[in-house]
Amino acid sequence: MAADDIDYNIVFPDAGTSERHWPGTKEPVVILLGWAGCRDKHLSKYSSIYNQQGCVTVRYTAPLKTVFISESFGYKELSSTALKLLEILYDYEVENSPVFFHVFSNGGFMLYRYIVELLHKDKQFSSLCVIGAVVDSAPGSGNVRGALRALTATLGPKISPPLKYVLLALFAVSVFLLRVLLYPLTKYVHKNHYDAVRDAPPAWPHFHLYSRADQVIRHRDIELFMETLKKKGVAVDGFDFVSTQHVSHFRDFPQQYTLKCRSFLLACMKDLKGP
């Protein structure tokens, strides 16, 4: 397979489940892009939202070194990963099914950015039918403090404190120089992910799940992003959980979260089929 060198998981529903939920049409393929440091056992809980609805799901989380080092320094490693993820659809012969994304935090949104660019520019994928995207706790822009909090959480308690502080200090200086101080001079060469998708957004609908209590991604970044997409004619909606922490909305409100994801997917499928 073309995607053998990336660590992904794909789940197919049984035929009875698909037919019950999607009679007379192809079941959606939901691509879930995990947050930095996300374990597959956690991402699988989100994929079950869609598996139980008779969807095919593809799960993938980008490596930490790629998210926090390569992409922070402007090396577009995830661009090739985006290509491989889209090729999975052809490997499993589901390229004619409706495609739906569920994206988590900036770690998933970085990868989503390159997928959007491929779907804009690469004729190989012109026949893919993307119907919508749920975006959980993203995107954020130029938030060094939030990035440090994300890296701290990802490193976890097992790493020694001196090493943790050294890594955090190096990361903070690098991000501040490259993504804040020098960004106005380099953005045309290394445009960040927030600006890249905002400036050339996809046409399919977006639904943002976020919280004003998030200490990693500022809610005003998300709301500004949503407003910009609306002005460009993209159908965008969102829900503020108010009290939940970063990528914790499902953990704290599982039923409400599940209902919103499924309702949005159903609305996108309805729009695909028309009145």
C-alpha atoms as a PDB file:
ATOM      1  CA  MET A   1       0.000   0.000   0.000  1.00  0.00           C
ATOM      2  CA  ALA A   2       1.104   3.559  -0.616  1.00  0.00           C
ATOM      3  CA  ALA A   3       0.553   4.456   3.024  1.00  0.00           C
ATOM      4  CA  ASP A   4       2.448   1.570   4.633  1.00  0.00           C
ATOM      5  CA  ASP A   5       4.969   3.884   6.291  1.00  0.00           C
ATOM      6  CA  ILE A   6       2.462   5.873   8.353  1.00  0.00           C
ATOM      7  CA  ASP A   7       0.822   4.466  11.462  1.00  0.00           C
ATOM      8  CA  TYR A   8      -2.912   4.696  10.854  1.00  0.00           C
ATOM      9  CA  ASN A   9      -5.965   2.628  11.756  1.00  0.00           C
ATOM     10  CA  ILE A  10      -8.997   2.022   9.563  1.00  0.00           C
ATOM     11  CA  VAL A  11     -12.290   0.478  10.701  1.00  0.00           C
ATOM     12  CA  PHE A  12     -15.103  -0.727   8.447  1.00  0.00           C
ATOM     13  CA  PRO A  13     -18.634  -1.141   9.805  1.00  0.00           C
ATOM     14  CA  ASP A  14     -20.587  -4.304   9.155  1.00  0.00           C
ATOM     15  CA  ALA A  15     -22.899  -4.177   6.160  1.00  0.00           C
ATOM     16  CA  GLY A  16     -26.047  -4.236   8.293  1.00  0.00           C
ATOM     17  CA  THR A  17     -25.021  -1.168  10.288  1.00  0.00           C
ATOM     18  CA  SER A  18     -24.156   0.808   7.160  1.00  0.00           C
ATOM     19  CA  GLU A  19     -27.388  -0.082   5.393  1.00  0.00           C
ATOM     20  CA  ARG A  20     -29.459   0.794   8.454  1.00  0.00           C
ATOM     21  CA  HIS A  21     -27.957   4.275   8.784  1.00  0.00           C
ATOM     22  CA  TRP A  22     -27.222   5.068   5.120  1.00  0.00           C
ATOM     23  CA  PRO A  23     -29.868   3.290   3.019  1.00  0.00           C
ATOM     24  CA  GLY A  24     -29.441   3.786  -0.684  1.00  0.00           C
ATOM     25  CA  THR A  25     -26.144   5.675  -0.436  1.00  0.00           C
ATOM     26  CA  LYS A  26     -22.468   5.064   0.284  1.00  0.00           C
ATOM     27  CA  GLU A  27     -21.487   5.330   3.922  1.00  0.00           C
ATOM     28  CA  PRO A  28     -19.263   8.325   4.825  1.00  0.00           C
ATOM     29  CA  VAL A  29     -15.541   7.911   5.424  1.00  0.00           C
ATOM     30  CA  VAL A  30     -14.535   9.895   8.510  1.00  0.00           C
ATOM     31  CA  ILE A  31     -10.854  10.849   8.803  1.00  0.00           C
ATOM     32  CA  LEU A  32      -9.861  11.701  12.388  1.00  0.00           C
ATOM     33  CA  LEU A  33      -6.657  13.716  12.870  1.00  0.00           C
ATOM     34  CA  GLY A  34      -5.475  13.524  16.492  1.00  0.00           C
ATOM     35  CA  TRP A  35      -3.955  16.196  18.701  1.00  0.00           C
ATOM     36  CA  ALA A  36      -0.221  16.219  19.489  1.00  0.00           C
ATOM     37  CA  GLY A  37       0.563  13.331  21.817  1.00  0.00           C
ATOM     38  CA  CYS A  38      -2.836  11.718  21.326  1.00  0.00           C
ATOM     39  CA  ARG A  39      -2.852   7.957  21.898  1.00  0.00           C
ATOM     40  CA  ASP A  40      -4.838   5.826  19.510  1.00  0.00           C
ATOM     41  CA  LYS A  41      -6.883   4.359  22.378  1.00  0.00           C
ATOM     42  CA  HIS A  42      -8.163   7.901  23.031  1.00  0.00           C
ATOM     43  CA  LEU A  43      -8.789   8.680  19.368  1.00  0.00           C
ATOM     44  CA  SER A  44     -10.676   5.395  18.994  1.00  0.00           C
ATOM     45  CA  LYS A  45     -13.289   6.675  21.472  1.00  0.00           C
ATOM     46  CA  TYR A  46     -14.062   9.488  19.067  1.00  0.00           C
ATOM     47  CA  SER A  47     -14.097   7.192  16.049  1.00  0.00           C
ATOM     48  CA  SER A  48     -16.726   5.053  17.794  1.00  0.00           C
ATOM     49  CA  ILE A  49     -19.105   8.032  17.495  1.00  0.00           C
ATOM     50  CA  TYR A  50     -19.047   7.429  13.759  1.00  0.00           C
ATOM     51  CA  ASN A  51     -18.518   3.644  13.663  1.00  0.00           C
ATOM     52  CA  GLN A  52     -21.788   3.210  15.530  1.00  0.00           C
ATOM     53  CA  GLN A  53     -23.431   5.258  12.767  1.00  0.00           C
ATOM     54  CA  GLY A  54     -22.193   2.872  10.098  1.00  0.00           C
ATOM     55  CA  CYS A  55     -19.247   4.988   8.914  1.00  0.00           C
ATOM     56  CA  VAL A  56     -15.793   3.933   7.807  1.00  0.00           C
ATOM     57  CA  THR A  57     -13.196   5.636  10.023  1.00  0.00           C
ATOM     58  CA  VAL A  58      -9.509   6.380   9.495  1.00  0.00           C
ATOM     59  CA  ARG A  59      -7.474   7.433  12.541  1.00  0.00           C
ATOM     60  CA  TYR A  60      -4.080   9.117  12.435  1.00  0.00           C
ATOM     61  CA  THR A  61      -1.978  11.267  14.788  1.00  0.00           C
ATOM     62  CA  ALA A  62       1.167  13.030  13.597  1.00  0.00           C
ATOM     63  CA  PRO A  63       4.420  12.301  15.506  1.00  0.00           C
ATOM     64  CA  LEU A  64       5.371  14.761  18.235  1.00  0.00           C
ATOM     65  CA  LYS A  65       8.706  15.668  16.672  1.00  0.00           C
ATOM     66  CA  THR A  66       6.940  16.650  13.471  1.00  0.00           C
ATOM     67  CA  VAL A  67       4.357  18.838  15.192  1.00  0.00           C
ATOM     68  CA  PHE A  68       6.595  20.564  17.720  1.00  0.00           C
ATOM     69  CA  ILE A  69       9.921  20.670  15.861  1.00  0.00           C
ATOM     70  CA  SER A  70       9.688  20.231  12.094  1.00  0.00           C
ATOM     71  CA  GLU A  71       6.529  22.265  11.552  1.00  0.00           C
ATOM     72  CA  SER A  72       7.534  24.924  14.086  1.00  0.00           C
ATOM     73  CA  PHE A  73      10.727  25.505  12.113  1.00  0.00           C
ATOM     74  CA  GLY A  74       8.899  25.690   8.804  1.00  0.00           C
ATOM     75  CA  TYR A  75       9.741  22.209   7.475  1.00  0.00           C
ATOM     76  CA  LYS A  76       6.603  20.904   5.797  1.00  0.00           C
ATOM     77  CA  GLU A  77       6.978  17.227   6.716  1.00  0.00           C
ATOM     78  CA  LEU A  78       3.239  16.811   7.106  1.00  0.00           C
ATOM     79  CA  SER A  79       2.654  17.671   3.478  1.00  0.00           C
ATOM     80  CA  SER A  80       3.783  14.183   2.401  1.00  0.00           C
ATOM     81  CA  THR A  81       1.744  12.629   5.219  1.00  0.00           C
ATOM     82  CA  ALA A  82      -1.363  14.418   3.945  1.00  0.00           C
ATOM     83  CA  LEU A  83      -0.789  12.884   0.530  1.00  0.00           C
ATOM     84  CA  LYS A  84      -0.465   9.390   2.005  1.00  0.00           C
ATOM     85  CA  LEU A  85      -3.661   9.779   4.030  1.00  0.00           C
ATOM     86  CA  LEU A  86      -5.650  10.704   0.949  1.00  0.00           C
ATOM     87  CA  GLU A  87      -4.118   7.787  -0.949  1.00  0.00           C
ATOM     88  CA  ILE A  88      -5.538   5.448   1.718  1.00  0.00           C
ATOM     89  CA  LEU A  89      -8.989   6.176   0.278  1.00  0.00           C
ATOM     90  CA  TYR A  90      -7.853   4.728  -3.052  1.00  0.00           C
ATOM     91  CA  ASP A  91      -6.002   1.824  -1.437  1.00  0.00           C
ATOM     92  CA  TYR A  92      -9.247   0.666   0.195  1.00  0.00           C
ATOM     93  CA  GLU A  93     -11.417   1.657  -2.791  1.00  0.00           C
ATOM     94  CA  VAL A  94     -13.584   4.122  -0.855  1.00  0.00           C
ATOM     95  CA  GLU A  95     -12.634   7.167  -2.920  1.00  0.00           C
ATOM     96  CA  ASN A  96     -16.208   7.452  -4.205  1.00  0.00           C
ATOM     97  CA  SER A  97     -17.683   7.707  -0.714  1.00  0.00           C
ATOM     98  CA  PRO A  98     -18.466  11.031   0.999  1.00  0.00           C
ATOM     99  CA  VAL A  99     -15.432  12.169   3.033  1.00  0.00           C
ATOM    100  CA  PHE A 100     -15.741  13.890   6.417  1.00  0.00           C
ATOM    101  CA  PHE A 101     -13.000  15.188   8.729  1.00  0.00           C
ATOM    102  CA  HIS A 102     -12.765  15.387  12.518  1.00  0.00           C
ATOM    103  CA  VAL A 103      -9.742  17.501  13.465  1.00  0.00           C
ATOM    104  CA  PHE A 104      -8.247  17.985  16.941  1.00  0.00           C
ATOM    105  CA  SER A 105      -6.199  20.923  18.215  1.00  0.00           C
ATOM    106  CA  ASN A 106      -3.379  22.559  16.271  1.00  0.00           C
ATOM    107  CA  GLY A 107      -1.601  19.215  15.944  1.00  0.00           C
ATOM    108  CA  GLY A 108      -4.428  17.859  13.805  1.00  0.00           C
ATOM    109  CA  PHE A 109      -5.091  21.202  12.145  1.00  0.00           C
ATOM    110  CA  MET A 110      -1.502  21.376  10.831  1.00  0.00           C
ATOM    111  CA  LEU A 111      -2.117  18.177   8.904  1.00  0.00           C
ATOM    112  CA  TYR A 112      -5.586  19.300   7.856  1.00  0.00           C
ATOM    113  CA  ARG A 113      -4.007  22.426   6.317  1.00  0.00           C
ATOM    114  CA  TYR A 114      -1.964  20.314   3.901  1.00  0.00           C
ATOM    115  CA  ILE A 115      -4.935  18.098   3.072  1.00  0.00           C
ATOM    116  CA  VAL A 116      -6.939  21.223   2.196  1.00  0.00           C
ATOM    117  CA  GLU A 117      -4.108  22.456  -0.022  1.00  0.00           C
ATOM    118  CA  LEU A 118      -3.918  19.116  -1.842  1.00  0.00           C
ATOM    119  CA  LEU A 119      -7.660  19.116  -2.437  1.00  0.00           C
ATOM    120  CA  HIS A 120      -7.373  22.650  -3.795  1.00  0.00           C
ATOM    121  CA  LYS A 121      -4.465  22.026  -6.147  1.00  0.00           C
ATOM    122  CA  ASP A 122      -3.894  18.338  -6.945  1.00  0.00           C
ATOM    123  CA  LYS A 123      -5.998  17.014  -9.842  1.00  0.00           C
ATOM    124  CA  GLN A 124      -5.456  13.479  -8.537  1.00  0.00           C
ATOM    125  CA  PHE A 125      -8.001  14.199  -5.795  1.00  0.00           C
ATOM    126  CA  SER A 126     -10.454  16.334  -7.762  1.00  0.00           C
ATOM    127  CA  SER A 127     -13.079  13.572  -7.713  1.00  0.00           C
ATOM    128  CA  LEU A 128     -13.139  13.270  -3.902  1.00  0.00           C
ATOM    129  CA  CYS A 129     -16.378  14.486  -2.346  1.00  0.00           C
ATOM    130  CA  VAL A 130     -15.646  16.179   0.979  1.00  0.00           C
ATOM    131  CA  ILE A 131     -18.865  17.048   2.787  1.00  0.00           C
ATOM    132  CA  GLY A 132     -17.714  18.692   6.029  1.00  0.00           C
ATOM    133  CA  ALA A 133     -15.331  18.968   8.967  1.00  0.00           C
ATOM    134  CA  VAL A 134     -15.677  19.044  12.742  1.00  0.00           C
ATOM    135  CA  VAL A 135     -12.827  21.006  14.336  1.00  0.00           C
ATOM    136  CA  ASP A 136     -12.242  20.413  18.047  1.00  0.00           C
ATOM    137  CA  SER A 137     -10.212  23.037  19.996  1.00  0.00           C
ATOM    138  CA  ALA A 138      -8.605  24.667  16.949  1.00  0.00           C
ATOM    139  CA  PRO A 139      -7.181  26.598  15.243  1.00  0.00           C
ATOM    140  CA  GLY A 140      -4.998  28.919  17.305  1.00  0.00           C
ATOM    141  CA  SER A 141      -2.600  31.576  16.068  1.00  0.00           C
ATOM    142  CA  GLY A 142       0.675  32.929  17.491  1.00  0.00           C
ATOM    143  CA  ASN A 143      -0.036  31.800  21.050  1.00  0.00           C
ATOM    144  CA  VAL A 144       3.369  30.968  22.568  1.00  0.00           C
ATOM    145  CA  ARG A 145       1.925  30.473  26.060  1.00  0.00           C
ATOM    146  CA  GLY A 146      -0.659  28.040  24.756  1.00  0.00           C
ATOM    147  CA  ALA A 147       1.970  26.143  22.766  1.00  0.00           C
ATOM    148  CA  LEU A 148       4.095  25.784  25.899  1.00  0.00           C
ATOM    149  CA  ARG A 149       1.127  24.453  27.848  1.00  0.00           C
ATOM    150  CA  ALA A 150       0.431  21.953  25.084  1.00  0.00           C
ATOM    151  CA  LEU A 151       4.062  20.783  25.027  1.00  0.00           C
ATOM    152  CA  THR A 152       4.135  20.527  28.844  1.00  0.00           C
ATOM    153  CA  ALA A 153       1.035  18.333  28.831  1.00  0.00           C
ATOM    154  CA  THR A 154       2.434  16.206  26.030  1.00  0.00           C
ATOM    155  CA  LEU A 155       5.807  15.620  27.728  1.00  0.00           C
ATOM    156  CA  GLY A 156       3.975  14.319  30.799  1.00  0.00           C
ATOM    157  CA  PRO A 157       5.261  13.711  34.343  1.00  0.00           C
ATOM    158  CA  LYS A 158       7.836  11.018  33.547  1.00  0.00           C
ATOM    159  CA  ILE A 159      10.426  13.316  31.971  1.00  0.00           C
ATOM    160  CA  SER A 160      12.985  14.804  34.388  1.00  0.00           C
ATOM    161  CA  PRO A 161      12.272  18.431  35.422  1.00  0.00           C
ATOM    162  CA  PRO A 162      15.661  19.836  34.260  1.00  0.00           C
ATOM    163  CA  LEU A 163      15.265  18.312  30.802  1.00  0.00           C
ATOM    164  CA  LYS A 164      11.657  19.488  30.612  1.00  0.00           C
ATOM    165  CA  TYR A 165      12.633  23.084  31.402  1.00  0.00           C
ATOM    166  CA  VAL A 166      15.437  23.035  28.832  1.00  0.00           C
ATOM    167  CA  LEU A 167      13.118  21.714  26.131  1.00  0.00           C
ATOM    168  CA  LEU A 168      10.416  24.230  26.999  1.00  0.00           C
ATOM    169  CA  ALA A 169      12.883  27.116  26.963  1.00  0.00           C
ATOM    170  CA  LEU A 170      14.319  26.131  23.580  1.00  0.00           C
ATOM    171  CA  PHE A 171      10.861  25.650  22.139  1.00  0.00           C
ATOM    172  CA  ALA A 172       9.618  29.000  23.498  1.00  0.00           C
ATOM    173  CA  VAL A 173      12.555  30.926  22.054  1.00  0.00           C
ATOM    174  CA  SER A 174      12.245  29.192  18.688  1.00  0.00           C
ATOM    175  CA  VAL A 175       8.499  29.742  18.389  1.00  0.00           C
ATOM    176  CA  PHE A 176       8.755  33.364  19.496  1.00  0.00           C
ATOM    177  CA  LEU A 177      11.476  34.129  16.959  1.00  0.00           C
ATOM    178  CA  LEU A 178      10.068  32.210  14.011  1.00  0.00           C
ATOM    179  CA  ARG A 179       6.310  32.443  14.530  1.00  0.00           C
ATOM    180  CA  VAL A 180       5.915  35.814  16.239  1.00  0.00           C
ATOM    181  CA  LEU A 181       8.872  38.175  15.869  1.00  0.00           C
ATOM    182  CA  LEU A 182       9.982  37.213  12.355  1.00  0.00           C
ATOM    183  CA  TYR A 183       6.631  36.020  11.021  1.00  0.00           C
ATOM    184  CA  PRO A 184       5.708  39.296   9.254  1.00  0.00           C
ATOM    185  CA  LEU A 185       8.923  38.954   7.224  1.00  0.00           C
ATOM    186  CA  THR A 186       8.657  35.227   6.494  1.00  0.00           C
ATOM    187  CA  LYS A 187       4.922  34.550   6.225  1.00  0.00           C
ATOM    188  CA  TYR A 188       4.975  34.510   2.430  1.00  0.00           C
ATOM    189  CA  VAL A 189       7.547  31.698   2.533  1.00  0.00           C
ATOM    190  CA  HIS A 190       6.396  29.849   5.675  1.00  0.00           C
ATOM    191  CA  LYS A 191       2.750  30.796   6.173  1.00  0.00           C
ATOM    192  CA  ASN A 192       1.387  29.350   9.386  1.00  0.00           C
ATOM    193  CA  HIS A 193      -1.503  26.913   9.396  1.00  0.00           C
ATOM    194  CA  TYR A 194      -4.046  29.334  10.789  1.00  0.00           C
ATOM    195  CA  ASP A 195      -3.383  31.896   8.055  1.00  0.00           C
ATOM    196  CA  ALA A 196      -3.061  29.300   5.288  1.00  0.00           C
ATOM    197  CA  VAL A 197      -6.545  27.843   5.791  1.00  0.00           C
ATOM    198  CA  ARG A 198      -8.116  31.195   6.657  1.00  0.00           C
ATOM    199  CA  ASP A 199      -6.776  32.801   3.474  1.00  0.00           C
ATOM    200  CA  ALA A 200      -7.708  29.897   1.171  1.00  0.00           C
ATOM    201  CA  PRO A 201     -10.471  27.974   2.950  1.00  0.00           C
ATOM    202  CA  PRO A 202     -12.202  24.885   1.593  1.00  0.00           C
ATOM    203  CA  ALA A 203     -15.800  25.188   0.432  1.00  0.00           C
ATOM    204  CA  TRP A 204     -17.267  22.450   2.639  1.00  0.00           C
ATOM    205  CA  PRO A 205     -19.046  23.295   5.938  1.00  0.00           C
ATOM    206  CA  HIS A 206     -17.180  23.511   9.245  1.00  0.00           C
ATOM    207  CA  PHE A 207     -18.399  22.987  12.796  1.00  0.00           C
ATOM    208  CA  HIS A 208     -16.112  24.182  15.613  1.00  0.00           C
ATOM    209  CA  LEU A 209     -16.300  22.735  19.125  1.00  0.00           C
ATOM    210  CA  TYR A 210     -14.366  24.878  21.590  1.00  0.00           C
ATOM    211  CA  SER A 211     -14.403  26.502  25.034  1.00  0.00           C
ATOM    212  CA  ARG A 212     -13.612  29.921  26.427  1.00  0.00           C
ATOM    213  CA  ALA A 213     -11.958  28.093  29.351  1.00  0.00           C
ATOM    214  CA  ASP A 214      -9.348  26.514  27.042  1.00  0.00           C
ATOM    215  CA  GLN A 215      -5.843  27.376  28.287  1.00  0.00           C
ATOM    216  CA  VAL A 216      -4.073  26.193  25.111  1.00  0.00           C
ATOM    217  CA  ILE A 217      -6.108  27.623  22.216  1.00  0.00           C
ATOM    218  CA  ARG A 218      -7.690  31.043  22.692  1.00  0.00           C
ATOM    219  CA  HIS A 219     -11.406  31.048  21.983  1.00  0.00           C
ATOM    220  CA  ARG A 220     -11.127  34.432  20.270  1.00  0.00           C
ATOM    221  CA  ASP A 221      -8.717  32.910  17.709  1.00  0.00           C
ATOM    222  CA  ILE A 222     -11.327  30.302  16.836  1.00  0.00           C
ATOM    223  CA  GLU A 223     -14.159  32.822  16.701  1.00  0.00           C
ATOM    224  CA  LEU A 224     -12.156  35.178  14.481  1.00  0.00           C
ATOM    225  CA  PHE A 225     -11.326  32.263  12.190  1.00  0.00           C
ATOM    226  CA  MET A 226     -15.008  31.341  11.965  1.00  0.00           C
ATOM    227  CA  GLU A 227     -16.012  34.924  11.152  1.00  0.00           C
ATOM    228  CA  THR A 228     -13.402  35.149   8.403  1.00  0.00           C
ATOM    229  CA  LEU A 229     -14.609  31.926   6.785  1.00  0.00           C
ATOM    230  CA  LYS A 230     -18.210  33.122   6.928  1.00  0.00           C
ATOM    231  CA  LYS A 231     -17.234  36.295   5.090  1.00  0.00           C
ATOM    232  CA  LYS A 232     -15.668  34.118   2.388  1.00  0.00           C
ATOM    233  CA  GLY A 233     -18.935  32.224   1.911  1.00  0.00           C
ATOM    234  CA  VAL A 234     -18.099  29.067   3.876  1.00  0.00           C
ATOM    235  CA  ALA A 235     -20.921  27.591   5.980  1.00  0.00           C
ATOM    236  CA  VAL A 236     -19.524  27.724   9.530  1.00  0.00           C
ATOM    237  CA  ASP A 237     -21.103  27.073  12.901  1.00  0.00           C
ATOM    238  CA  GLY A 238     -19.733  26.441  16.376  1.00  0.00           C
ATOM    239  CA  PHE A 239     -20.497  25.583  19.953  1.00  0.00           C
ATOM    240  CA  ASP A 240     -18.790  26.991  23.053  1.00  0.00           C
ATOM    241  CA  PHE A 241     -18.752  24.474  25.911  1.00  0.00           C
ATOM    242  CA  VAL A 242     -17.758  27.391  28.186  1.00  0.00           C
ATOM    243  CA  SER A 243     -16.180  25.421  31.049  1.00  0.00           C
ATOM    244  CA  THR A 244     -14.206  22.602  29.427  1.00  0.00           C
ATOM    245  CA  GLN A 245     -10.444  22.426  29.008  1.00  0.00           C
ATOM    246  CA  HIS A 246      -8.485  21.769  25.829  1.00  0.00           C
ATOM    247  CA  VAL A 247      -9.786  18.725  23.854  1.00  0.00           C
ATOM    248  CA  SER A 248     -11.803  17.713  26.914  1.00  0.00           C
ATOM    249  CA  HIS A 249     -15.298  18.504  25.663  1.00  0.00           C
ATOM    250  CA  PHE A 250     -16.132  14.873  24.875  1.00  0.00           C
ATOM    251  CA  ARG A 251     -14.766  13.672  28.211  1.00  0.00           C
ATOM    252  CA  ASP A 252     -16.896  16.157  30.168  1.00  0.00           C
ATOM    253  CA  PHE A 253     -20.044  16.124  28.021  1.00  0.00           C
ATOM    254  CA  PRO A 254     -20.017  12.849  26.047  1.00  0.00           C
ATOM    255  CA  GLN A 255     -23.699  12.742  25.126  1.00  0.00           C
ATOM    256  CA  GLN A 256     -23.892  16.380  24.042  1.00  0.00           C
ATOM    257  CA  TYR A 257     -20.643  16.111  22.100  1.00  0.00           C
ATOM    258  CA  THR A 258     -21.739  12.922  20.351  1.00  0.00           C
ATOM    259  CA  LEU A 259     -25.103  14.393  19.414  1.00  0.00           C
ATOM    260  CA  LYS A 260     -23.526  17.517  17.911  1.00  0.00           C
ATOM    261  CA  CYS A 261     -21.047  15.519  15.822  1.00  0.00           C
ATOM    262  CA  ARG A 262     -23.680  13.119  14.515  1.00  0.00           C
ATOM    263  CA  SER A 263     -26.197  15.889  13.832  1.00  0.00           C
ATOM    264  CA  PHE A 264     -23.624  17.833  11.832  1.00  0.00           C
ATOM    265  CA  LEU A 265     -22.638  14.749   9.843  1.00  0.00           C
ATOM    266  CA  LEU A 266     -26.295  14.027   9.057  1.00  0.00           C
ATOM    267  CA  ALA A 267     -26.846  17.636   7.952  1.00  0.00           C
ATOM    268  CA  CYS A 268     -23.826  17.416   5.630  1.00  0.00           C
ATOM    269  CA  MET A 269     -25.104  14.156   4.138  1.00  0.00           C
ATOM    270  CA  LYS A 270     -28.540  15.693   3.664  1.00  0.00           C
ATOM    271  CA  ASP A 271     -27.002  18.648   1.827  1.00  0.00           C
ATOM    272  CA  LEU A 272     -25.129  16.183  -0.391  1.00  0.00           C
ATOM    273  CA  LYS A 273     -28.320  14.381  -1.390  1.00  0.00           C
ATOM    274  CA  GLY A 274     -30.326  17.598  -1.697  1.00  0.00           C
ATOM    275  CA  PRO A 275     -33.970  18.201  -0.732  1.00  0.00           C
END
